[in-house]
Amino acid sequence: MASIGDKSNFPLYSTGLMPQEEMLEVKKTGKKLTIGMPKEKSKFENRLALTPQGIELLVENGHTVLFESGAGQAANLSDQDFAECGACIVKNNSEIFKAEIVLKISPFTDEELDLLSPGQTIISLVQLHQQSRELIKKMLSKKVNAIAFELIKDNNGYYPVTRSMSEIEGAASIMIASEYLSKAHNGKGVLLGGITGVSPAEVVILGAGTAGESAARAALGLGATVKVFDNSFKNLRELQLHIGQRIFTSVLYPKALTKALKSADAVIGNLRYLQSGLSYMVTEDQVSKMKQGSVLIDLSMGQGGCFESSICTDFAHPVFIKHGVIHYCVPNVASHVARTATIALSNIFAPMILQMAEAGNINNIIKENAGFSHGIYVYKGILTNHYIGETFSLPSKDIGLLMAAF
């Protein structure tokens, strides 16, 4: 494998976009890393893991970042933006996959796994609905270290990436609902907040977590009437306290939910049943009784959907109409505002990579940082996540026991 920092092993740097000479003084860190950022292939993914400023921080600390040409286009960031901050722009993505750390958003595809070598560290979403037993087995055979960034915890035990993306998706869902309630998109022609003498629109939110709270704040800010349902009274009380004003909240009583859905102009779904054989929260019969021209946004599509009537869509054709209700079922709403999401992700990943470098190797950071080790699901080709193992009928081992052995 190429030695870290040896640019002679990456001959395709000569694309005309090289790191700038005027760099700040390099700070000393435990190890100099080479980080590869390939272009996303998924049609649902517009985000990046690092902004130009995040890359600049890494380069200033002595690390090398290989950036595939065109990778920032979906987030309206040019190759020049990244080159000016010190990234090495590479046209051949096979060179990207030679880096010690390969950092991307969507899960690694079969073709991308072919380009990996033993000992590399890969960081991405794991998204089980996009995985298969064959892909996981192939990853194990490559003997890589794989980190699912949605599983990484911070010092307070929270999931920073998941919380950040949920906050964005909650706020974005209200913006999308407002857009599709307009006549420009064959909606009812309703202003979300109403005006003097005209009642505001009614927004029903399923789920009082981070996304639900963010959606409630955005809807209230526009003047809408908001109703929030959750299967946890604790979550509802915390949301009420955080919002700072009285809104309608209820646990999931079927009759109360059905009544609220009938009068709703927009419904934001971010909850799923995981019991009694059901995976959805709202039945198709309940959807069929909603008002004609109302908008339904499913924020749970990445986990299978919140509504029985949901069918996965993409940004090219984000909506469909069923029972007279406009369904927005794109699985990655954060990509709708890719630039904001990229900045949020970079705020998490740039410091994390610096921590990895200071630790010296992946073994040290696993031992030093329990939250980081929680995100590791493959260690040296061994599956360490029991849930993934159970899902795909594969054997797994505890990461703590493995660390004692290595």
Protein backbone atom coordinates (compact mmCIF):
# COMPACT_ATOMS: atom_id res chain seq x y z
CA MET A 1 0.00 0.00 0.00
CA ALA A 2 1.21 3.52 -0.72
CA SER A 3 3.04 5.25 2.11
CA ILE A 4 1.09 8.10 3.64
CA GLY A 5 1.90 11.49 2.19
CA ASP A 6 3.93 10.10 -0.74
CA LYS A 7 2.38 11.93 -3.70
CA SER A 8 4.45 9.93 -6.21
CA ASN A 9 1.99 7.11 -5.63
CA PHE A 10 -0.85 9.29 -6.93
CA PRO A 11 0.32 10.24 -10.46
CA LEU A 12 -2.97 11.81 -11.52
CA TYR A 13 -2.53 14.92 -9.40
CA SER A 14 -1.53 16.77 -12.58
CA THR A 15 -5.01 17.94 -13.53
CA GLY A 16 -4.17 21.62 -13.36
CA LEU A 17 -5.72 21.99 -9.91
CA MET A 18 -3.07 21.56 -7.24
CA PRO A 19 -2.91 22.65 -3.59
CA GLN A 20 -2.02 26.32 -3.25
CA GLU A 21 1.43 27.35 -2.05
CA GLU A 22 0.23 29.91 0.49
CA MET A 23 -0.67 27.50 3.28
CA LEU A 24 -0.58 28.33 6.99
CA GLU A 25 2.07 26.84 9.24
CA VAL A 26 1.52 23.11 9.65
CA LYS A 27 0.69 21.91 13.14
CA LYS A 28 2.24 18.73 14.48
CA THR A 29 -0.07 15.74 14.86
CA GLY A 30 0.41 12.10 15.76
CA LYS A 31 0.22 10.81 12.19
CA LYS A 32 -0.12 12.25 8.70
CA LEU A 33 -3.13 10.78 6.91
CA THR A 34 -4.24 10.54 3.31
CA ILE A 35 -8.00 10.97 2.97
CA GLY A 36 -9.83 10.10 -0.25
CA MET A 37 -13.19 11.67 -1.15
CA PRO A 38 -14.83 9.98 -4.18
CA LYS A 39 -17.76 11.32 -6.15
CA GLU A 40 -21.11 9.98 -4.95
CA LYS A 41 -22.84 7.64 -7.39
CA SER A 42 -26.24 7.51 -5.66
CA LYS A 43 -29.00 9.56 -7.33
CA PHE A 44 -30.31 10.39 -3.85
CA GLU A 45 -27.04 11.87 -2.59
CA ASN A 46 -25.93 15.48 -3.09
CA ARG A 47 -24.01 15.97 0.16
CA LEU A 48 -20.28 15.85 0.88
CA ALA A 49 -18.54 14.86 4.08
CA LEU A 50 -16.16 17.84 4.06
CA THR A 51 -16.39 21.44 2.87
CA PRO A 52 -13.38 23.23 1.33
CA GLN A 53 -12.85 24.85 4.75
CA GLY A 54 -12.91 21.45 6.45
CA ILE A 55 -10.30 20.19 3.99
CA GLU A 56 -8.22 23.31 4.61
CA LEU A 57 -8.19 22.52 8.33
CA LEU A 58 -6.91 19.00 7.63
CA VAL A 59 -4.27 20.19 5.14
CA GLU A 60 -3.03 22.84 7.58
CA ASN A 61 -2.46 20.01 10.05
CA GLY A 62 -0.27 18.14 7.57
CA HIS A 63 -2.77 15.72 6.03
CA THR A 64 -3.36 15.03 2.33
CA VAL A 65 -6.87 15.08 0.86
CA LEU A 66 -7.53 13.48 -2.53
CA PHE A 67 -10.74 14.85 -4.05
CA GLU A 68 -12.37 13.35 -7.13
CA SER A 69 -13.03 15.93 -9.82
CA GLY A 70 -16.70 16.94 -9.93
CA ALA A 71 -17.54 15.47 -6.52
CA GLY A 72 -18.76 18.83 -5.20
CA GLN A 73 -20.96 19.73 -8.15
CA ALA A 74 -24.21 18.52 -6.59
CA ALA A 75 -23.60 20.81 -3.60
CA ASN A 76 -22.71 23.73 -5.92
CA LEU A 77 -19.02 23.57 -5.02
CA SER A 78 -16.40 23.57 -7.77
CA ASP A 79 -13.08 21.76 -8.04
CA GLN A 80 -11.43 25.17 -7.80
CA ASP A 81 -13.09 25.78 -4.43
CA PHE A 82 -11.44 22.64 -3.06
CA ALA A 83 -8.08 23.14 -4.80
CA GLU A 84 -7.76 26.62 -3.33
CA CYS A 85 -8.15 25.09 0.13
CA GLY A 86 -5.43 22.50 -0.43
CA ALA A 87 -7.21 19.45 -1.87
CA CYS A 88 -5.49 17.45 -4.61
CA ILE A 89 -8.00 17.11 -7.45
CA VAL A 90 -7.93 13.61 -8.98
CA LYS A 91 -9.74 12.56 -12.16
CA ASN A 92 -9.38 8.79 -11.82
CA ASN A 93 -11.42 7.59 -8.85
CA SER A 94 -9.36 4.40 -8.54
CA GLU A 95 -6.60 6.63 -7.11
CA ILE A 96 -9.05 7.95 -4.51
CA PHE A 97 -9.64 4.42 -3.25
CA LYS A 98 -5.92 3.94 -2.54
CA ALA A 99 -6.07 6.46 0.31
CA GLU A 100 -5.64 5.27 3.89
CA ILE A 101 -9.08 6.66 4.78
CA VAL A 102 -11.89 6.74 2.20
CA LEU A 103 -14.67 9.11 3.26
CA LYS A 104 -18.04 9.28 1.52
CA ILE A 105 -21.74 9.61 2.34
CA SER A 106 -23.70 6.78 0.70
CA PRO A 107 -22.79 3.13 1.42
CA PHE A 108 -19.97 1.57 -0.60
CA THR A 109 -21.13 -0.18 -3.75
CA ASP A 110 -19.89 -3.54 -5.04
CA GLU A 111 -17.69 -1.77 -7.61
CA GLU A 112 -16.21 0.54 -4.97
CA LEU A 113 -15.42 -2.37 -2.65
CA ASP A 114 -13.43 -3.95 -5.51
CA LEU A 115 -11.04 -0.97 -5.36
CA LEU A 116 -10.22 -1.34 -1.66
CA SER A 117 -7.22 -3.04 -0.06
CA PRO A 118 -6.73 -4.72 3.34
CA GLY A 119 -6.06 -2.36 6.23
CA GLN A 120 -7.88 0.67 4.81
CA THR A 121 -10.46 2.55 6.85
CA ILE A 122 -13.76 3.41 5.16
CA ILE A 123 -16.29 5.86 6.58
CA SER A 124 -19.85 6.20 5.24
CA LEU A 125 -23.47 5.61 6.09
CA VAL A 126 -24.32 1.95 6.57
CA GLN A 127 -28.08 2.24 5.70
CA LEU A 128 -29.14 -1.38 6.05
CA HIS A 129 -31.98 -1.01 3.54
CA GLN A 130 -29.30 -0.43 0.87
CA GLN A 131 -27.11 -3.32 2.03
CA SER A 132 -27.14 -7.03 1.29
CA ARG A 133 -25.54 -10.07 2.85
CA GLU A 134 -23.24 -10.35 -0.18
CA LEU A 135 -22.00 -6.75 0.16
CA ILE A 136 -21.26 -7.17 3.87
CA LYS A 137 -19.43 -10.46 3.21
CA LYS A 138 -17.39 -8.80 0.48
CA MET A 139 -16.45 -5.99 2.87
CA LEU A 140 -15.33 -8.60 5.41
CA SER A 141 -13.25 -10.40 2.78
CA LYS A 142 -11.45 -7.12 2.02
CA LYS A 143 -10.28 -7.00 5.67
CA VAL A 144 -10.98 -3.28 5.98
CA ASN A 145 -12.05 -1.21 8.98
CA ALA A 146 -15.57 0.15 8.33
CA ILE A 147 -17.17 2.98 10.29
CA ALA A 148 -20.86 3.91 10.05
CA PHE A 149 -20.97 7.60 10.86
CA GLU A 150 -24.66 7.50 11.81
CA LEU A 151 -23.66 5.14 14.66
CA ILE A 152 -20.86 7.31 16.10
CA LYS A 153 -21.70 8.81 19.50
CA ASP A 154 -20.45 12.02 21.12
CA ASN A 155 -19.34 12.46 24.73
CA ASN A 156 -22.95 12.87 25.86
CA GLY A 157 -24.08 9.61 24.28
CA TYR A 158 -25.92 11.29 21.40
CA TYR A 159 -25.53 10.55 17.69
CA PRO A 160 -24.19 13.86 16.28
CA VAL A 161 -24.59 13.05 12.58
CA THR A 162 -28.09 11.65 12.97
CA ARG A 163 -29.19 14.58 15.13
CA SER A 164 -27.73 17.15 12.76
CA MET A 165 -29.33 15.59 9.67
CA SER A 166 -32.64 15.13 11.49
CA GLU A 167 -32.67 18.79 12.44
CA ILE A 168 -32.10 19.75 8.80
CA GLU A 169 -34.73 17.33 7.50
CA GLY A 170 -37.35 18.54 9.98
CA ALA A 171 -36.91 22.18 8.96
CA ALA A 172 -36.66 21.30 5.25
CA SER A 173 -39.88 19.25 5.40
CA ILE A 174 -41.91 22.35 6.30
CA MET A 175 -40.32 24.28 3.43
CA ILE A 176 -41.23 21.41 1.08
CA ALA A 177 -44.77 21.17 2.46
CA SER A 178 -45.28 24.89 1.91
CA GLU A 179 -44.01 24.53 -1.65
CA TYR A 180 -46.33 21.66 -2.54
CA LEU A 181 -49.38 23.26 -0.94
CA SER A 182 -49.12 26.01 -3.57
CA LYS A 183 -50.99 25.83 -6.89
CA ALA A 184 -47.64 25.84 -8.71
CA HIS A 185 -47.37 22.16 -7.70
CA ASN A 186 -51.08 21.30 -8.00
CA GLY A 187 -51.61 21.77 -4.29
CA LYS A 188 -54.58 23.30 -2.53
CA GLY A 189 -53.27 26.83 -2.97
CA VAL A 190 -52.91 27.34 0.77
CA LEU A 191 -50.53 29.72 2.55
CA LEU A 192 -49.07 27.77 5.44
CA GLY A 193 -49.34 30.56 7.99
CA GLY A 194 -52.58 32.18 6.88
CA ILE A 195 -53.22 35.94 7.16
CA THR A 196 -55.59 38.27 8.98
CA GLY A 197 -59.06 36.85 8.64
CA VAL A 198 -57.82 33.58 7.11
CA SER A 199 -57.11 30.52 9.27
CA PRO A 200 -53.56 29.13 9.14
CA ALA A 201 -52.85 25.70 7.67
CA GLU A 202 -52.80 22.71 10.01
CA VAL A 203 -49.60 20.67 10.24
CA VAL A 204 -49.57 17.24 11.88
CA ILE A 205 -46.16 15.88 12.92
CA LEU A 206 -45.62 12.22 13.78
CA GLY A 207 -42.59 11.92 16.04
CA ALA A 208 -41.35 14.25 18.77
CA GLY A 209 -37.65 13.58 18.24
CA THR A 210 -35.09 15.95 16.75
CA ALA A 211 -36.73 16.03 13.29
CA GLY A 212 -40.18 16.50 14.79
CA GLU A 213 -39.03 19.34 17.03
CA SER A 214 -37.25 21.05 14.14
CA ALA A 215 -40.36 20.71 11.95
CA ALA A 216 -42.57 22.07 14.72
CA ARG A 217 -40.32 25.12 15.18
CA ALA A 218 -40.31 25.85 11.45
CA ALA A 219 -44.09 25.43 11.12
CA LEU A 220 -44.79 27.62 14.15
CA GLY A 221 -42.38 30.21 12.81
CA LEU A 222 -44.48 30.44 9.65
CA GLY A 223 -47.67 30.75 11.68
CA ALA A 224 -49.16 27.29 11.09
CA THR A 225 -51.23 25.37 13.61
CA VAL A 226 -49.18 22.40 14.82
CA LYS A 227 -50.19 19.04 16.28
CA VAL A 228 -47.51 16.55 17.39
CA PHE A 229 -48.03 12.85 18.06
CA ASP A 230 -45.52 10.42 19.54
CA ASN A 231 -45.55 7.01 21.23
CA SER A 232 -43.50 8.44 24.12
CA PHE A 233 -44.99 10.88 26.64
CA LYS A 234 -41.45 11.79 27.72
CA ASN A 235 -40.56 12.89 24.18
CA LEU A 236 -43.71 14.99 23.96
CA ARG A 237 -42.98 16.72 27.26
CA GLU A 238 -39.39 17.47 26.27
CA LEU A 239 -40.51 18.87 22.92
CA GLN A 240 -43.06 21.09 24.69
CA LEU A 241 -40.36 22.42 27.01
CA HIS A 242 -37.90 23.04 24.17
CA ILE A 243 -40.48 24.78 21.97
CA GLY A 244 -41.34 27.17 24.80
CA GLN A 245 -45.02 27.56 23.93
CA ARG A 246 -48.19 25.50 24.22
CA ILE A 247 -49.01 23.34 21.21
CA PHE A 248 -51.28 20.34 20.75
CA THR A 249 -49.48 17.12 21.72
CA SER A 250 -50.83 13.60 22.06
CA VAL A 251 -49.72 10.03 22.41
CA LEU A 252 -50.80 7.81 19.54
CA TYR A 253 -54.45 7.23 20.29
CA PRO A 254 -55.86 5.83 17.01
CA LYS A 255 -59.06 7.90 17.04
CA ALA A 256 -57.24 11.14 17.90
CA LEU A 257 -54.68 10.51 15.16
CA THR A 258 -57.33 9.69 12.56
CA LYS A 259 -59.25 12.85 13.41
CA ALA A 260 -56.11 14.99 13.14
CA LEU A 261 -55.18 13.45 9.78
CA LYS A 262 -58.64 14.23 8.35
CA SER A 263 -58.24 17.95 9.11
CA ALA A 264 -54.51 18.24 8.28
CA ASP A 265 -53.17 20.26 5.36
CA ALA A 266 -49.68 18.75 5.74
CA VAL A 267 -48.44 15.66 7.57
CA ILE A 268 -44.78 15.09 8.43
CA GLY A 269 -44.01 11.47 9.31
CA ASN A 270 -40.92 10.43 11.24
CA LEU A 271 -42.12 7.41 13.22
CA ARG A 272 -42.50 3.72 12.41
CA TYR A 273 -44.10 0.75 14.14
CA LEU A 274 -41.69 -2.11 14.67
CA GLN A 275 -44.11 -4.57 16.21
CA SER A 276 -47.06 -6.82 15.43
CA GLY A 277 -45.82 -7.27 11.86
CA LEU A 278 -46.43 -3.59 11.00
CA SER A 279 -43.66 -1.32 9.80
CA TYR A 280 -45.77 1.80 9.09
CA MET A 281 -47.48 4.29 11.37
CA VAL A 282 -50.42 5.42 9.19
CA THR A 283 -52.58 3.01 7.19
CA GLU A 284 -53.63 3.56 3.60
CA ASP A 285 -57.23 3.75 4.75
CA GLN A 286 -56.34 6.72 7.00
CA VAL A 287 -54.53 8.41 4.10
CA SER A 288 -57.57 7.93 1.85
CA LYS A 289 -59.67 9.98 4.31
CA MET A 290 -57.31 12.98 4.25
CA LYS A 291 -58.27 16.21 2.48
CA GLN A 292 -57.79 16.39 -1.27
CA GLY A 293 -54.64 18.32 -2.15
CA SER A 294 -53.06 17.86 1.28
CA VAL A 295 -49.35 17.03 1.47
CA LEU A 296 -47.73 14.01 3.09
CA ILE A 297 -43.95 13.99 3.65
CA ASP A 298 -42.34 10.73 4.72
CA LEU A 299 -39.05 11.34 6.54
CA SER A 300 -38.75 7.64 7.39
CA MET A 301 -38.24 6.39 3.82
CA GLY A 302 -34.64 5.46 4.59
CA GLN A 303 -35.99 2.91 7.11
CA GLY A 304 -38.90 1.72 5.01
CA GLY A 305 -41.49 4.46 5.42
CA CYS A 306 -43.97 5.85 7.93
CA PHE A 307 -47.10 5.57 5.75
CA GLU A 308 -48.52 2.42 4.18
CA SER A 309 -49.13 4.34 0.95
CA SER A 310 -45.50 5.53 0.65
CA ILE A 311 -43.45 4.54 -2.41
CA CYS A 312 -39.80 5.56 -2.63
CA THR A 313 -39.18 8.50 -5.00
CA ASP A 314 -36.13 10.56 -6.01
CA PHE A 315 -35.28 14.21 -6.66
CA ALA A 316 -36.05 13.88 -10.38
CA HIS A 317 -39.65 12.83 -9.58
CA PRO A 318 -40.09 13.54 -5.86
CA VAL A 319 -43.88 13.30 -5.58
CA PHE A 320 -46.86 11.22 -6.62
CA ILE A 321 -50.57 11.59 -5.90
CA LYS A 322 -52.55 8.80 -4.28
CA HIS A 323 -56.11 9.13 -2.91
CA GLY A 324 -55.85 12.80 -3.87
CA VAL A 325 -52.96 13.31 -1.41
CA ILE A 326 -49.56 14.57 -2.58
CA HIS A 327 -46.87 12.14 -1.35
CA TYR A 328 -43.25 13.33 -1.03
CA CYS A 329 -41.18 10.19 -0.37
CA VAL A 330 -37.53 11.00 -1.13
CA PRO A 331 -35.39 8.94 1.30
CA ASN A 332 -32.76 11.62 1.88
CA VAL A 333 -34.44 14.97 2.44
CA ALA A 334 -31.20 16.53 3.77
CA SER A 335 -29.80 16.36 0.22
CA HIS A 336 -32.55 18.79 -0.80
CA VAL A 337 -30.41 21.42 0.96
CA ALA A 338 -27.06 19.79 0.20
CA ARG A 339 -24.90 22.82 0.90
CA THR A 340 -26.28 23.31 4.42
CA ALA A 341 -26.03 19.58 5.09
CA THR A 342 -22.42 19.47 3.84
CA ILE A 343 -21.41 22.26 6.20
CA ALA A 344 -23.09 20.46 9.11
CA LEU A 345 -21.30 17.18 8.28
CA SER A 346 -17.94 18.89 7.85
CA ASN A 347 -18.29 20.43 11.31
CA ILE A 348 -18.39 16.87 12.65
CA PHE A 349 -15.93 15.04 10.39
CA ALA A 350 -13.00 17.46 10.23
CA PRO A 351 -12.41 17.41 14.03
CA MET A 352 -13.06 13.65 14.09
CA ILE A 353 -10.33 12.96 11.51
CA LEU A 354 -7.93 15.17 13.46
CA GLN A 355 -8.69 13.04 16.53
CA MET A 356 -7.97 9.89 14.52
CA ALA A 357 -4.62 11.34 13.45
CA GLU A 358 -3.68 12.38 16.98
CA ALA A 359 -4.47 8.88 18.25
CA GLY A 360 -1.88 7.48 15.81
CA ASN A 361 -3.87 4.45 14.68
CA ILE A 362 -7.39 3.09 14.73
CA ASN A 363 -6.63 0.77 17.65
CA ASN A 364 -5.76 3.72 19.89
CA ILE A 365 -8.85 5.77 19.09
CA ILE A 366 -11.10 2.74 19.66
CA LYS A 367 -9.57 2.35 23.12
CA GLU A 368 -9.64 6.07 23.91
CA ASN A 369 -13.06 6.99 22.52
CA ALA A 370 -16.04 4.76 23.31
CA GLY A 371 -18.35 6.89 21.15
CA PHE A 372 -16.12 6.44 18.11
CA SER A 373 -15.82 2.68 18.67
CA HIS A 374 -19.63 2.47 18.68
CA GLY A 375 -19.58 3.42 14.99
CA ILE A 376 -17.22 0.61 13.95
CA TYR A 377 -19.06 -2.31 12.40
CA VAL A 378 -16.14 -4.05 10.67
CA TYR A 379 -12.70 -4.28 12.31
CA LYS A 380 -9.87 -5.86 10.32
CA GLY A 381 -12.40 -7.84 8.32
CA ILE A 382 -14.40 -8.99 11.36
CA LEU A 383 -18.03 -7.97 11.82
CA THR A 384 -18.44 -6.19 15.17
CA ASN A 385 -22.06 -5.01 15.02
CA HIS A 386 -24.45 -7.62 16.43
CA TYR A 387 -27.55 -6.05 14.87
CA ILE A 388 -26.05 -6.19 11.37
CA GLY A 389 -24.98 -9.76 12.08
CA GLU A 390 -28.50 -10.76 13.08
CA THR A 391 -30.02 -8.94 10.09
CA PHE A 392 -27.88 -10.80 7.56
CA SER A 393 -27.30 -14.04 9.52
CA LEU A 394 -23.56 -13.41 9.85
CA PRO A 395 -21.37 -14.10 12.90
CA SER A 396 -20.16 -11.07 14.84
CA LYS A 397 -17.76 -10.41 17.70
CA ASP A 398 -17.62 -7.79 20.42
CA ILE A 399 -15.20 -4.97 19.57
CA GLY A 400 -13.91 -4.86 23.15
CA LEU A 401 -12.93 -8.53 23.08
CA LEU A 402 -11.26 -8.09 19.71
CA MET A 403 -9.20 -5.16 20.98
CA ALA A 404 -7.94 -7.31 23.79
CA ALA A 405 -6.80 -9.91 21.25
CA PHE A 406 -5.04 -7.54 18.82
